[in-house]
Amino acid sequence: ELKEVGSFKPNGRSGEEPIYDLGGN
């Protein structure tokens, strides 16, 4: 099932803006 964007853990190190759902949805 698809989910709302932002449902999967973010990608990003300290000081970086997170990117979401690279491995999901």
PDB file of all heavy atoms in Angstrom:
ATOM      1  N   GLU A   1       0.837  -1.188   0.000  1.00  0.00           N
ATOM      2  CA  GLU A   1       0.000   0.000   0.000  1.00  0.00           C
ATOM      3  C   GLU A   1       0.878   1.246   0.000  1.00  0.00           C
ATOM      4  O   GLU A   1       1.911   1.289   0.658  1.00  0.00           O
ATOM      5  CB  GLU A   1      -0.905   0.031   1.231  1.00  0.00           C
ATOM      6  CG  GLU A   1      -1.900  -1.114   1.295  1.00  0.00           C
ATOM      7  CD  GLU A   1      -2.763  -1.028   2.539  1.00  0.00           C
ATOM      8  OE1 GLU A   1      -2.545  -0.103   3.351  1.00  0.00           O
ATOM      9  OE2 GLU A   1      -3.649  -1.875   2.697  1.00  0.00           O
ATOM     10  N   LEU A   2       0.432   2.260  -0.738  1.00  0.00           N
ATOM     11  CA  LEU A   2       1.132   3.534  -0.704  1.00  0.00           C
ATOM     12  C   LEU A   2       0.755   4.284   0.563  1.00  0.00           C
ATOM     13  O   LEU A   2      -0.312   4.068   1.141  1.00  0.00           O
ATOM     14  CB  LEU A   2       0.764   4.378  -1.924  1.00  0.00           C
ATOM     15  CG  LEU A   2       1.213   3.844  -3.285  1.00  0.00           C
ATOM     16  CD1 LEU A   2       0.769   4.776  -4.395  1.00  0.00           C
ATOM     17  CD2 LEU A   2       2.712   3.646  -3.318  1.00  0.00           C
ATOM     18  N   LYS A   3       1.639   5.178   0.983  1.00  0.00           N
ATOM     19  CA  LYS A   3       1.405   5.986   2.175  1.00  0.00           C
ATOM     20  C   LYS A   3       1.657   7.449   1.863  1.00  0.00           C
ATOM     21  O   LYS A   3       2.229   7.785   0.819  1.00  0.00           O
ATOM     22  CB  LYS A   3       2.334   5.530   3.307  1.00  0.00           C
ATOM     23  CG  LYS A   3       2.146   4.078   3.727  1.00  0.00           C
ATOM     24  CD  LYS A   3       3.071   3.721   4.874  1.00  0.00           C
ATOM     25  CE  LYS A   3       2.879   2.275   5.308  1.00  0.00           C
ATOM     26  NZ  LYS A   3       3.756   1.917   6.456  1.00  0.00           N
ATOM     27  N   GLU A   4       1.231   8.321   2.755  1.00  0.00           N
ATOM     28  CA  GLU A   4       1.513   9.745   2.584  1.00  0.00           C
ATOM     29  C   GLU A   4       3.024   9.961   2.575  1.00  0.00           C
ATOM     30  O   GLU A   4       3.772   9.271   3.265  1.00  0.00           O
ATOM     31  CB  GLU A   4       0.877  10.541   3.731  1.00  0.00           C
ATOM     32  CG  GLU A   4       1.072  12.036   3.602  1.00  0.00           C
ATOM     33  CD  GLU A   4       0.223  12.817   4.591  1.00  0.00           C
ATOM     34  OE1 GLU A   4      -0.988  12.538   4.680  1.00  0.00           O
ATOM     35  OE2 GLU A   4       0.781  13.714   5.251  1.00  0.00           O
ATOM     36  N   VAL A   5       3.480  10.917   1.755  1.00  0.00           N
ATOM     37  CA  VAL A   5       4.914  11.190   1.727  1.00  0.00           C
ATOM     38  C   VAL A   5       5.381  11.585   3.120  1.00  0.00           C
ATOM     39  O   VAL A   5       4.635  12.164   3.912  1.00  0.00           O
ATOM     40  CB  VAL A   5       5.256  12.299   0.712  1.00  0.00           C
ATOM     41  CG1 VAL A   5       4.913  11.873  -0.704  1.00  0.00           C
ATOM     42  CG2 VAL A   5       4.577  13.615   1.059  1.00  0.00           C
ATOM     43  N   GLY A   6       6.617  11.240   3.438  1.00  0.00           N
ATOM     44  CA  GLY A   6       7.147  11.517   4.765  1.00  0.00           C
ATOM     45  C   GLY A   6       6.877  10.409   5.760  1.00  0.00           C
ATOM     46  O   GLY A   6       7.221  10.536   6.936  1.00  0.00           O
ATOM     47  N   SER A   7       6.295   9.297   5.291  1.00  0.00           N
ATOM     48  CA  SER A   7       5.957   8.199   6.192  1.00  0.00           C
ATOM     49  C   SER A   7       7.152   7.300   6.508  1.00  0.00           C
ATOM     50  O   SER A   7       7.124   6.557   7.484  1.00  0.00           O
ATOM     51  CB  SER A   7       4.838   7.342   5.590  1.00  0.00           C
ATOM     52  OG  SER A   7       3.629   8.069   5.515  1.00  0.00           O
ATOM     53  N   PHE A   8       8.185   7.352   5.655  1.00  0.00           N
ATOM     54  CA  PHE A   8       9.358   6.522   5.866  1.00  0.00           C
ATOM     55  C   PHE A   8      10.481   7.356   6.471  1.00  0.00           C
ATOM     56  O   PHE A   8      10.525   8.577   6.303  1.00  0.00           O
ATOM     57  CB  PHE A   8       9.813   5.887   4.554  1.00  0.00           C
ATOM     58  CG  PHE A   8       8.801   4.933   3.985  1.00  0.00           C
ATOM     59  CD1 PHE A   8       7.775   5.392   3.174  1.00  0.00           C
ATOM     60  CD2 PHE A   8       8.864   3.585   4.269  1.00  0.00           C
ATOM     61  CE1 PHE A   8       6.832   4.522   2.658  1.00  0.00           C
ATOM     62  CE2 PHE A   8       7.933   2.699   3.758  1.00  0.00           C
ATOM     63  CZ  PHE A   8       6.908   3.169   2.956  1.00  0.00           C
ATOM     64  N   LYS A   9      11.397   6.704   7.141  1.00  0.00           N
ATOM     65  CA  LYS A   9      12.430   7.430   7.876  1.00  0.00           C
ATOM     66  C   LYS A   9      13.245   8.328   6.953  1.00  0.00           C
ATOM     67  O   LYS A   9      13.479   7.996   5.788  1.00  0.00           O
ATOM     68  CB  LYS A   9      13.347   6.451   8.603  1.00  0.00           C
ATOM     69  CG  LYS A   9      14.224   5.602   7.707  1.00  0.00           C
ATOM     70  CD  LYS A   9      15.086   4.652   8.518  1.00  0.00           C
ATOM     71  CE  LYS A   9      16.011   3.834   7.621  1.00  0.00           C
ATOM     72  NZ  LYS A   9      16.839   2.887   8.400  1.00  0.00           N
ATOM     73  N   PRO A  10      13.681   9.476   7.453  1.00  0.00           N
ATOM     74  CA  PRO A  10      14.417  10.432   6.616  1.00  0.00           C
ATOM     75  C   PRO A  10      15.864  10.039   6.403  1.00  0.00           C
ATOM     76  O   PRO A  10      16.458   9.306   7.188  1.00  0.00           O
ATOM     77  CB  PRO A  10      14.317  11.730   7.418  1.00  0.00           C
ATOM     78  CG  PRO A  10      14.251  11.274   8.842  1.00  0.00           C
ATOM     79  CD  PRO A  10      13.425  10.012   8.798  1.00  0.00           C
ATOM     80  N   ASN A  11      16.414  10.549   5.313  1.00  0.00           N
ATOM     81  CA  ASN A  11      17.831  10.405   5.019  1.00  0.00           C
ATOM     82  C   ASN A  11      18.485  11.760   5.273  1.00  0.00           C
ATOM     83  O   ASN A  11      18.052  12.779   4.734  1.00  0.00           O
ATOM     84  CB  ASN A  11      18.032   9.989   3.556  1.00  0.00           C
ATOM     85  CG  ASN A  11      19.490   9.965   3.129  1.00  0.00           C
ATOM     86  OD1 ASN A  11      20.147  10.999   3.100  1.00  0.00           O
ATOM     87  ND2 ASN A  11      19.976   8.796   2.771  1.00  0.00           N
ATOM     88  N   GLY A  12      19.516  11.793   6.081  1.00  0.00           N
ATOM     89  CA  GLY A  12      20.216  13.049   6.335  1.00  0.00           C
ATOM     90  C   GLY A  12      21.060  12.979   7.589  1.00  0.00           C
ATOM     91  O   GLY A  12      20.626  12.438   8.600  1.00  0.00           O
ATOM     92  N   ARG A  13      22.250  13.534   7.487  1.00  0.00           N
ATOM     93  CA  ARG A  13      23.130  13.588   8.642  1.00  0.00           C
ATOM     94  C   ARG A  13      22.880  14.873   9.418  1.00  0.00           C
ATOM     95  O   ARG A  13      22.094  15.717   9.008  1.00  0.00           O
ATOM     96  CB  ARG A  13      24.589  13.513   8.185  1.00  0.00           C
ATOM     97  CG  ARG A  13      24.938  12.206   7.468  1.00  0.00           C
ATOM     98  CD  ARG A  13      26.397  12.174   7.023  1.00  0.00           C
ATOM     99  NE  ARG A  13      26.741  10.910   6.404  1.00  0.00           N
ATOM    100  CZ  ARG A  13      26.536  10.606   5.129  1.00  0.00           C
ATOM    101  NH1 ARG A  13      25.967  11.515   4.337  1.00  0.00           N
ATOM    102  NH2 ARG A  13      26.869   9.437   4.641  1.00  0.00           N
ATOM    103  N   SER A  14      23.555  15.029  10.536  1.00  0.00           N
ATOM    104  CA  SER A  14      23.407  16.219  11.366  1.00  0.00           C
ATOM    105  C   SER A  14      23.699  17.472  10.542  1.00  0.00           C
ATOM    106  O   SER A  14      24.709  17.546   9.844  1.00  0.00           O
ATOM    107  CB  SER A  14      24.370  16.141  12.563  1.00  0.00           C
ATOM    108  OG  SER A  14      24.292  17.313  13.337  1.00  0.00           O
ATOM    109  N   GLY A  15      22.795  18.445  10.606  1.00  0.00           N
ATOM    110  CA  GLY A  15      22.971  19.688   9.873  1.00  0.00           C
ATOM    111  C   GLY A  15      22.416  19.672   8.464  1.00  0.00           C
ATOM    112  O   GLY A  15      22.413  20.694   7.788  1.00  0.00           O
ATOM    113  N   GLU A  16      21.922  18.505   8.004  1.00  0.00           N
ATOM    114  CA  GLU A  16      21.342  18.409   6.668  1.00  0.00           C
ATOM    115  C   GLU A  16      19.823  18.397   6.748  1.00  0.00           C
ATOM    116  O   GLU A  16      19.247  17.817   7.665  1.00  0.00           O
ATOM    117  CB  GLU A  16      21.808  17.125   5.972  1.00  0.00           C
ATOM    118  CG  GLU A  16      23.271  17.094   5.601  1.00  0.00           C
ATOM    119  CD  GLU A  16      23.656  15.809   4.897  1.00  0.00           C
ATOM    120  OE1 GLU A  16      23.024  14.752   5.177  1.00  0.00           O
ATOM    121  OE2 GLU A  16      24.576  15.849   4.082  1.00  0.00           O
ATOM    122  N   GLU A  17      19.177  19.027   5.765  1.00  0.00           N
ATOM    123  CA  GLU A  17      17.723  18.936   5.662  1.00  0.00           C
ATOM    124  C   GLU A  17      17.364  17.504   5.259  1.00  0.00           C
ATOM    125  O   GLU A  17      17.969  16.942   4.338  1.00  0.00           O
ATOM    126  CB  GLU A  17      17.209  19.916   4.611  1.00  0.00           C
ATOM    127  CG  GLU A  17      17.261  21.367   5.046  1.00  0.00           C
ATOM    128  CD  GLU A  17      16.153  21.713   6.015  1.00  0.00           C
ATOM    129  OE1 GLU A  17      15.098  21.033   6.013  1.00  0.00           O
ATOM    130  OE2 GLU A  17      16.343  22.651   6.794  1.00  0.00           O
ATOM    131  N   PRO A  18      16.402  16.883   5.919  1.00  0.00           N
ATOM    132  CA  PRO A  18      16.073  15.490   5.607  1.00  0.00           C
ATOM    133  C   PRO A  18      15.375  15.307   4.264  1.00  0.00           C
ATOM    134  O   PRO A  18      14.635  16.181   3.807  1.00  0.00           O
ATOM    135  CB  PRO A  18      15.151  15.082   6.762  1.00  0.00           C
ATOM    136  CG  PRO A  18      14.544  16.360   7.211  1.00  0.00           C
ATOM    137  CD  PRO A  18      15.604  17.406   7.036  1.00  0.00           C
ATOM    138  N   ILE A  19      15.639  14.167   3.645  1.00  0.00           N
ATOM    139  CA  ILE A  19      14.959  13.736   2.424  1.00  0.00           C
ATOM    140  C   ILE A  19      14.203  12.456   2.786  1.00  0.00           C
ATOM    141  O   ILE A  19      14.752  11.568   3.428  1.00  0.00           O
ATOM    142  CB  ILE A  19      15.953  13.447   1.298  1.00  0.00           C
ATOM    143  CG1 ILE A  19      16.814  14.679   1.011  1.00  0.00           C
ATOM    144  CG2 ILE A  19      15.214  13.028   0.025  1.00  0.00           C
ATOM    145  CD1 ILE A  19      17.947  14.410   0.032  1.00  0.00           C
ATOM    146  N   TYR A  20      12.946  12.381   2.357  1.00  0.00           N
ATOM    147  CA  TYR A  20      12.101  11.270   2.780  1.00  0.00           C
ATOM    148  C   TYR A  20      11.781  10.294   1.653  1.00  0.00           C
ATOM    149  O   TYR A  20      11.729  10.665   0.476  1.00  0.00           O
ATOM    150  CB  TYR A  20      10.787  11.802   3.356  1.00  0.00           C
ATOM    151  CG  TYR A  20      10.940  12.490   4.686  1.00  0.00           C
ATOM    152  CD1 TYR A  20      11.291  13.829   4.754  1.00  0.00           C
ATOM    153  CD2 TYR A  20      10.749  11.797   5.881  1.00  0.00           C
ATOM    154  CE1 TYR A  20      11.438  14.464   5.988  1.00  0.00           C
ATOM    155  CE2 TYR A  20      10.900  12.422   7.103  1.00  0.00           C
ATOM    156  CZ  TYR A  20      11.250  13.761   7.152  1.00  0.00           C
ATOM    157  OH  TYR A  20      11.402  14.379   8.367  1.00  0.00           O
ATOM    158  N   ASP A  21      11.534   9.046   2.054  1.00  0.00           N
ATOM    159  CA  ASP A  21      10.933   8.016   1.199  1.00  0.00           C
ATOM    160  C   ASP A  21      11.825   7.564   0.047  1.00  0.00           C
ATOM    161  O   ASP A  21      11.328   7.051  -0.956  1.00  0.00           O
ATOM    162  CB  ASP A  21       9.582   8.497   0.639  1.00  0.00           C
ATOM    163  CG  ASP A  21       8.659   9.024   1.714  1.00  0.00           C
ATOM    164  OD1 ASP A  21       8.672   8.481   2.830  1.00  0.00           O
ATOM    165  OD2 ASP A  21       7.924   9.992   1.442  1.00  0.00           O
ATOM    166  N   LEU A  22      13.129   7.735   0.173  1.00  0.00           N
ATOM    167  CA  LEU A  22      14.025   7.290  -0.890  1.00  0.00           C
ATOM    168  C   LEU A  22      13.972   5.781  -1.076  1.00  0.00           C
ATOM    169  O   LEU A  22      14.160   5.276  -2.180  1.00  0.00           O
ATOM    170  CB  LEU A  22      15.468   7.719  -0.577  1.00  0.00           C
ATOM    171  CG  LEU A  22      15.756   9.208  -0.709  1.00  0.00           C
ATOM    172  CD1 LEU A  22      17.084   9.553  -0.045  1.00  0.00           C
ATOM    173  CD2 LEU A  22      15.764   9.627  -2.172  1.00  0.00           C
ATOM    174  N   GLY A  23      13.723   5.064  -0.006  1.00  0.00           N
ATOM    175  CA  GLY A  23      13.679   3.615  -0.101  1.00  0.00           C
ATOM    176  C   GLY A  23      12.288   3.036   0.025  1.00  0.00           C
ATOM    177  O   GLY A  23      12.113   1.822   0.025  1.00  0.00           O
ATOM    178  N   GLY A  24      11.285   3.902   0.159  1.00  0.00           N
ATOM    179  CA  GLY A  24       9.934   3.414   0.359  1.00  0.00           C
ATOM    180  C   GLY A  24       8.925   4.125  -0.520  1.00  0.00           C
ATOM    181  O   GLY A  24       9.272   5.006  -1.298  1.00  0.00           O
ATOM    182  N   ASN A  25       7.677   3.762  -0.376  1.00  0.00           N
ATOM    183  CA  ASN A  25       6.585   4.269  -1.200  1.00  0.00           C
ATOM    184  C   ASN A  25       6.804   3.862  -2.656  1.00  0.00           C
ATOM    185  O   ASN A  25       7.007   2.686  -2.923  1.00  0.00           O
ATOM    186  CB  ASN A  25       6.394   5.772  -1.020  1.00  0.00           C
ATOM    187  CG  ASN A  25       5.128   6.074  -0.214  1.00  0.00           C
ATOM    188  OD1 ASN A  25       4.307   5.203   0.062  1.00  0.00           O
ATOM    189  ND2 ASN A  25       4.961   7.323   0.174  1.00  0.00           N
TER     190      ASN A  25
END
